[in-house]
Amino acid sequence: MGYALPRLLIQLLTRRPYGVHSPFLFSFAENCLYAGERHPGFELLEGIRRDLQLSDKQILVKDFGTGGRFDAPKRDGDPIQRKKRLGSIARSALQRPKYCRLFFRMAGYFQPATILELGTSLGISTCYLAYGAPEARLITLEGCPQVSLVAQDVFNRAGVAHIECLTGPFHQTLPGLLDRVSNPDMVYVDGNHSYQGLMENYHILRDHIPENGVVIIDDIRWSWGMWKAWKEIVSDPKVSLSVDLGHIGILFFRRALSKDNIRMGF
């Protein structure tokens, strides 16, 4: 611990991969994780984010999978339904800009042919991924129909035409999708924030991730259950290298890499 904290602090201050010895991870950190970027779409997307945050419109939200902070289960697996202000959803659920920009860089760095997102929300992170890999096939899954409609409007405003959005609970949409698209190169998991939900989705996905695939998992410290799931996932023999950025975790499935779990400042 005495070594890790100064190393993380230096990484944060210098935006450089200080203390990283793996050539693969060093290149990823130097050319992607800590790289700078500009894209004309960033300003547009952040303007859309602000509009959503200020919206008083109410929509009916079906929550199929957000676990409580202590992972209290829902009765019978039925979705919780309630009306919520769009502005409230945008302020609490949208991914932070610095992570959205990282997703943009990762999509450009790894150049995936197929990107899969579990948890569209209002579509901001989806658009960042789309801007990063304009030639990729991008499929996003959202459980709530009215949230999905808002996301589609965001896609239209952002001028992104190559996004396919599937609506419905993941256990219904994901298996059938993977029958059609068997090897997504990049997967972003941001839905069903519970131990059981994350583990179920991971076990459905794991055998479909190709050799050079990368999986991003959001909110790994959101609850005790999410942290427990993350620790179990990184111990999976199929995962070679995992990177813990505090808020999100990244999994690599490259057999040539040494098994390790690296904490990095971001």
Protein backbone atom coordinates (compact mmCIF):
# COMPACT_ATOMS: atom_id res chain seq x y z
CA MET A 1 0.00 0.00 0.00
CA GLY A 2 2.89 2.36 0.74
CA TYR A 3 3.97 2.03 -2.90
CA ALA A 4 0.53 2.04 -4.51
CA LEU A 5 -0.71 5.36 -3.17
CA PRO A 6 2.25 7.49 -4.33
CA ARG A 7 2.20 5.71 -7.71
CA LEU A 8 -1.50 6.48 -8.18
CA LEU A 9 -0.94 10.09 -7.13
CA ILE A 10 1.90 10.52 -9.62
CA GLN A 11 -0.26 9.00 -12.37
CA LEU A 12 -3.05 11.45 -11.56
CA LEU A 13 -0.75 14.47 -11.46
CA THR A 14 1.31 13.66 -14.54
CA ARG A 15 -1.28 11.81 -16.64
CA ARG A 16 1.47 9.30 -17.43
CA PRO A 17 1.75 5.52 -16.83
CA TYR A 18 4.26 5.83 -13.98
CA GLY A 19 5.23 2.43 -12.53
CA VAL A 20 3.65 0.40 -15.35
CA HIS A 21 5.92 -2.38 -16.66
CA SER A 22 3.68 -4.33 -19.06
CA PRO A 23 4.36 -3.10 -22.64
CA PHE A 24 0.70 -3.69 -23.58
CA LEU A 25 -0.61 -1.76 -20.57
CA PHE A 26 2.01 0.99 -20.92
CA SER A 27 0.97 1.59 -24.54
CA PHE A 28 -2.72 1.57 -23.60
CA ALA A 29 -2.14 4.05 -20.77
CA GLU A 30 0.19 6.34 -22.75
CA ASN A 31 -1.80 6.40 -25.99
CA CYS A 32 -5.36 6.01 -24.74
CA LEU A 33 -5.99 6.22 -20.99
CA TYR A 34 -4.00 9.43 -20.43
CA ALA A 35 -4.13 10.80 -23.99
CA GLY A 36 -5.77 14.09 -24.86
CA GLU A 37 -8.41 14.38 -27.54
CA ARG A 38 -10.78 16.76 -29.25
CA HIS A 39 -13.79 15.94 -31.37
CA PRO A 40 -16.38 18.35 -32.76
CA GLY A 41 -19.12 16.13 -31.37
CA PHE A 42 -18.03 16.60 -27.73
CA GLU A 43 -19.49 20.09 -27.44
CA LEU A 44 -22.73 18.95 -29.10
CA LEU A 45 -23.12 15.98 -26.74
CA GLU A 46 -22.42 18.06 -23.64
CA GLY A 47 -25.02 20.57 -24.83
CA ILE A 48 -27.52 17.72 -25.14
CA ARG A 49 -26.53 16.54 -21.65
CA ARG A 50 -27.28 20.02 -20.25
CA ASP A 51 -30.65 20.10 -22.00
CA LEU A 52 -31.56 16.73 -20.48
CA GLN A 53 -30.46 17.81 -17.01
CA LEU A 54 -32.71 20.88 -17.20
CA SER A 55 -35.75 19.03 -18.57
CA ASP A 56 -38.95 18.92 -16.48
CA LYS A 57 -40.52 16.29 -18.72
CA GLN A 58 -41.76 13.21 -16.87
CA ILE A 59 -41.47 9.68 -18.22
CA LEU A 60 -42.53 6.28 -16.90
CA VAL A 61 -39.39 4.42 -15.88
CA LYS A 62 -39.29 0.62 -15.67
CA ASP A 63 -36.31 -0.36 -13.56
CA PHE A 64 -35.45 -3.99 -14.31
CA GLY A 65 -32.19 -4.25 -12.49
CA THR A 66 -30.71 -1.47 -10.37
CA GLY A 67 -29.75 -3.10 -7.12
CA GLY A 68 -29.87 -1.23 -3.84
CA ARG A 69 -26.67 -0.13 -2.13
CA PHE A 70 -26.89 -3.34 -0.09
CA ASP A 71 -28.37 -5.36 -2.98
CA ALA A 72 -31.86 -5.79 -1.52
CA PRO A 73 -33.64 -8.08 -4.03
CA LYS A 74 -36.88 -7.17 -5.76
CA ARG A 75 -39.90 -9.37 -5.25
CA ASP A 76 -40.43 -11.89 -8.05
CA GLY A 77 -38.02 -10.03 -10.33
CA ASP A 78 -40.78 -7.59 -11.39
CA PRO A 79 -39.62 -4.16 -12.57
CA ILE A 80 -40.22 -1.16 -10.36
CA GLN A 81 -42.30 1.39 -12.29
CA ARG A 82 -42.54 5.05 -11.42
CA LYS A 83 -42.66 8.44 -13.09
CA LYS A 84 -39.45 10.39 -12.97
CA ARG A 85 -38.32 13.75 -14.26
CA LEU A 86 -35.97 13.50 -17.19
CA GLY A 87 -33.68 16.03 -15.54
CA SER A 88 -33.40 13.87 -12.43
CA ILE A 89 -32.49 10.83 -14.51
CA ALA A 90 -29.89 12.79 -16.45
CA ARG A 91 -28.25 14.21 -13.33
CA SER A 92 -28.02 10.85 -11.56
CA ALA A 93 -27.64 8.22 -14.29
CA LEU A 94 -25.53 9.68 -17.09
CA GLN A 95 -21.87 8.72 -17.18
CA ARG A 96 -19.44 11.49 -16.26
CA PRO A 97 -17.83 13.35 -19.19
CA LYS A 98 -14.26 12.22 -18.43
CA TYR A 99 -15.28 8.56 -18.65
CA CYS A 100 -17.34 9.21 -21.79
CA ARG A 101 -14.23 10.72 -23.39
CA LEU A 102 -12.25 7.65 -22.29
CA PHE A 103 -14.80 5.39 -24.01
CA PHE A 104 -14.39 7.49 -27.14
CA ARG A 105 -10.61 7.05 -26.98
CA MET A 106 -10.88 3.31 -26.28
CA ALA A 107 -13.18 2.81 -29.27
CA GLY A 108 -10.66 4.62 -31.45
CA TYR A 109 -7.64 2.88 -29.94
CA PHE A 110 -8.91 -0.70 -30.18
CA GLN A 111 -10.94 -0.21 -33.39
CA PRO A 112 -13.59 -2.84 -32.57
CA ALA A 113 -15.72 -4.20 -35.39
CA THR A 114 -18.67 -4.64 -33.01
CA ILE A 115 -19.45 -2.72 -29.83
CA LEU A 116 -22.11 -3.92 -27.39
CA GLU A 117 -23.50 -1.72 -24.61
CA LEU A 118 -25.67 -3.08 -21.80
CA GLY A 119 -27.59 -0.13 -20.41
CA THR A 120 -28.25 2.65 -22.93
CA SER A 121 -29.75 5.04 -20.39
CA LEU A 122 -30.29 8.34 -22.24
CA GLY A 123 -27.72 7.53 -24.90
CA ILE A 124 -24.87 9.96 -24.17
CA SER A 125 -22.19 7.31 -23.57
CA THR A 126 -23.49 5.41 -26.61
CA CYS A 127 -22.85 8.45 -28.80
CA TYR A 128 -19.30 8.86 -27.46
CA LEU A 129 -18.60 5.23 -28.39
CA ALA A 130 -20.14 5.81 -31.81
CA TYR A 131 -17.98 8.88 -32.45
CA GLY A 132 -14.88 6.90 -31.46
CA ALA A 133 -15.59 4.04 -33.86
CA PRO A 134 -17.76 5.38 -36.70
CA GLU A 135 -17.25 2.24 -38.79
CA ALA A 136 -18.18 -0.21 -36.02
CA ARG A 137 -21.45 -1.98 -35.60
CA LEU A 138 -22.85 -0.60 -32.34
CA ILE A 139 -25.68 -2.35 -30.51
CA THR A 140 -27.07 -1.03 -27.25
CA LEU A 141 -29.58 -2.68 -24.89
CA GLU A 142 -32.02 -0.74 -22.74
CA GLY A 143 -34.67 -2.20 -20.46
CA CYS A 144 -37.09 0.72 -20.29
CA PRO A 145 -39.15 1.62 -23.40
CA GLN A 146 -39.58 5.33 -22.60
CA VAL A 147 -35.90 5.76 -21.74
CA SER A 148 -35.09 4.04 -25.03
CA LEU A 149 -37.23 6.58 -26.90
CA VAL A 150 -35.35 9.47 -25.30
CA ALA A 151 -32.04 7.84 -26.24
CA GLN A 152 -33.17 7.51 -29.86
CA ASP A 153 -33.88 11.24 -29.91
CA VAL A 154 -30.37 11.85 -28.54
CA PHE A 155 -28.90 9.68 -31.31
CA ASN A 156 -30.78 11.74 -33.90
CA ARG A 157 -29.64 15.04 -32.41
CA ALA A 158 -26.05 13.79 -32.29
CA GLY A 159 -26.20 12.74 -35.95
CA VAL A 160 -25.31 9.12 -35.21
CA ALA A 161 -27.00 6.69 -37.57
CA HIS A 162 -25.15 3.39 -36.95
CA ILE A 163 -26.65 2.55 -33.54
CA GLU A 164 -29.06 -0.38 -33.12
CA CYS A 165 -31.07 -0.14 -29.90
CA LEU A 166 -32.83 -3.22 -28.48
CA THR A 167 -35.44 -2.64 -25.78
CA GLY A 168 -36.36 -5.11 -23.06
CA PRO A 169 -34.86 -6.86 -20.01
CA PHE A 170 -31.34 -8.15 -20.66
CA HIS A 171 -32.17 -11.78 -19.93
CA GLN A 172 -34.60 -11.64 -22.86
CA THR A 173 -32.59 -9.55 -25.36
CA LEU A 174 -28.96 -10.53 -24.70
CA PRO A 175 -28.96 -14.30 -25.43
CA GLY A 176 -30.77 -13.88 -28.75
CA LEU A 177 -28.48 -11.03 -29.73
CA LEU A 178 -25.38 -13.11 -29.06
CA ASP A 179 -26.78 -15.82 -31.32
CA ARG A 180 -26.67 -13.24 -34.13
CA VAL A 181 -23.55 -11.32 -33.07
CA SER A 182 -21.38 -13.94 -31.46
CA ASN A 183 -18.12 -12.03 -30.89
CA PRO A 184 -18.44 -8.41 -29.75
CA ASP A 185 -14.93 -6.91 -29.61
CA MET A 186 -15.83 -4.26 -27.03
CA VAL A 187 -18.53 -4.48 -24.37
CA TYR A 188 -19.62 -1.75 -21.97
CA VAL A 189 -21.71 -3.06 -19.06
CA ASP A 190 -23.73 -0.36 -17.29
CA GLY A 191 -26.97 -2.03 -16.29
CA ASN A 192 -28.39 -4.12 -13.45
CA HIS A 193 -26.25 -2.84 -10.58
CA SER A 194 -26.54 -5.91 -8.41
CA TYR A 195 -24.26 -8.84 -7.69
CA GLN A 196 -26.62 -11.37 -9.22
CA GLY A 197 -27.39 -9.24 -12.27
CA LEU A 198 -23.76 -8.48 -13.08
CA MET A 199 -22.66 -12.08 -12.61
CA GLU A 200 -25.49 -13.41 -14.77
CA ASN A 201 -24.71 -10.95 -17.57
CA TYR A 202 -20.98 -11.67 -17.35
CA HIS A 203 -21.48 -15.43 -17.58
CA ILE A 204 -23.70 -14.97 -20.64
CA LEU A 205 -21.04 -12.75 -22.26
CA ARG A 206 -17.76 -14.39 -21.28
CA ASP A 207 -17.70 -17.19 -23.85
CA HIS A 208 -18.55 -14.74 -26.65
CA ILE A 209 -15.64 -12.36 -26.04
CA PRO A 210 -12.91 -12.90 -28.67
CA GLU A 211 -9.19 -13.18 -27.96
CA ASN A 212 -8.53 -9.45 -28.31
CA GLY A 213 -11.80 -8.37 -26.71
CA VAL A 214 -12.19 -5.74 -24.00
CA VAL A 215 -14.99 -5.39 -21.45
CA ILE A 216 -15.70 -2.21 -19.45
CA ILE A 217 -17.74 -2.56 -16.26
CA ASP A 218 -19.21 0.56 -14.70
CA ASP A 219 -19.73 1.33 -11.00
CA ILE A 220 -17.59 -1.50 -9.64
CA ARG A 221 -17.67 0.15 -6.19
CA TRP A 222 -21.31 1.24 -6.33
CA SER A 223 -22.36 -1.34 -3.73
CA TRP A 224 -20.94 -4.24 -1.78
CA GLY A 225 -22.52 -6.62 -4.28
CA MET A 226 -20.98 -4.86 -7.29
CA TRP A 227 -17.54 -4.95 -5.65
CA LYS A 228 -17.93 -8.64 -4.80
CA ALA A 229 -18.91 -9.37 -8.41
CA TRP A 230 -15.91 -7.43 -9.72
CA LYS A 231 -13.51 -9.37 -7.49
CA GLU A 232 -14.95 -12.68 -8.68
CA ILE A 233 -14.83 -11.64 -12.33
CA VAL A 234 -11.17 -10.58 -12.26
CA SER A 235 -10.28 -13.98 -10.79
CA ASP A 236 -11.90 -15.77 -13.75
CA PRO A 237 -9.12 -17.68 -15.61
CA LYS A 238 -10.53 -16.38 -18.92
CA VAL A 239 -9.60 -12.81 -17.87
CA SER A 240 -5.91 -12.18 -18.38
CA LEU A 241 -5.40 -8.56 -17.33
CA SER A 242 -7.80 -6.32 -15.43
CA VAL A 243 -7.45 -2.60 -14.75
CA ASP A 244 -9.19 -0.96 -11.79
CA LEU A 245 -9.75 2.78 -12.35
CA GLY A 246 -11.77 3.21 -9.17
CA HIS A 247 -15.13 3.99 -10.73
CA ILE A 248 -14.87 1.57 -13.64
CA GLY A 249 -13.03 -1.67 -14.33
CA ILE A 250 -11.57 -2.88 -17.62
CA LEU A 251 -11.07 -6.54 -18.56
CA PHE A 252 -8.73 -7.88 -21.23
CA PHE A 253 -8.97 -11.40 -22.63
CA ARG A 254 -5.54 -11.75 -24.29
CA ARG A 255 -3.87 -15.05 -23.47
CA ALA A 256 -0.40 -13.61 -24.12
CA LEU A 257 -0.78 -11.21 -21.17
CA SER A 258 0.22 -12.21 -17.65
CA LYS A 259 -2.62 -12.62 -15.18
CA ASP A 260 -2.80 -9.45 -13.08
CA ASN A 261 -5.17 -6.88 -11.59
CA ILE A 262 -3.71 -3.37 -11.77
CA ARG A 263 -5.01 -0.33 -9.89
CA MET A 264 -4.39 2.88 -11.83
CA GLY A 265 -5.15 6.51 -11.13
CA PHE A 266 -7.53 8.26 -13.49
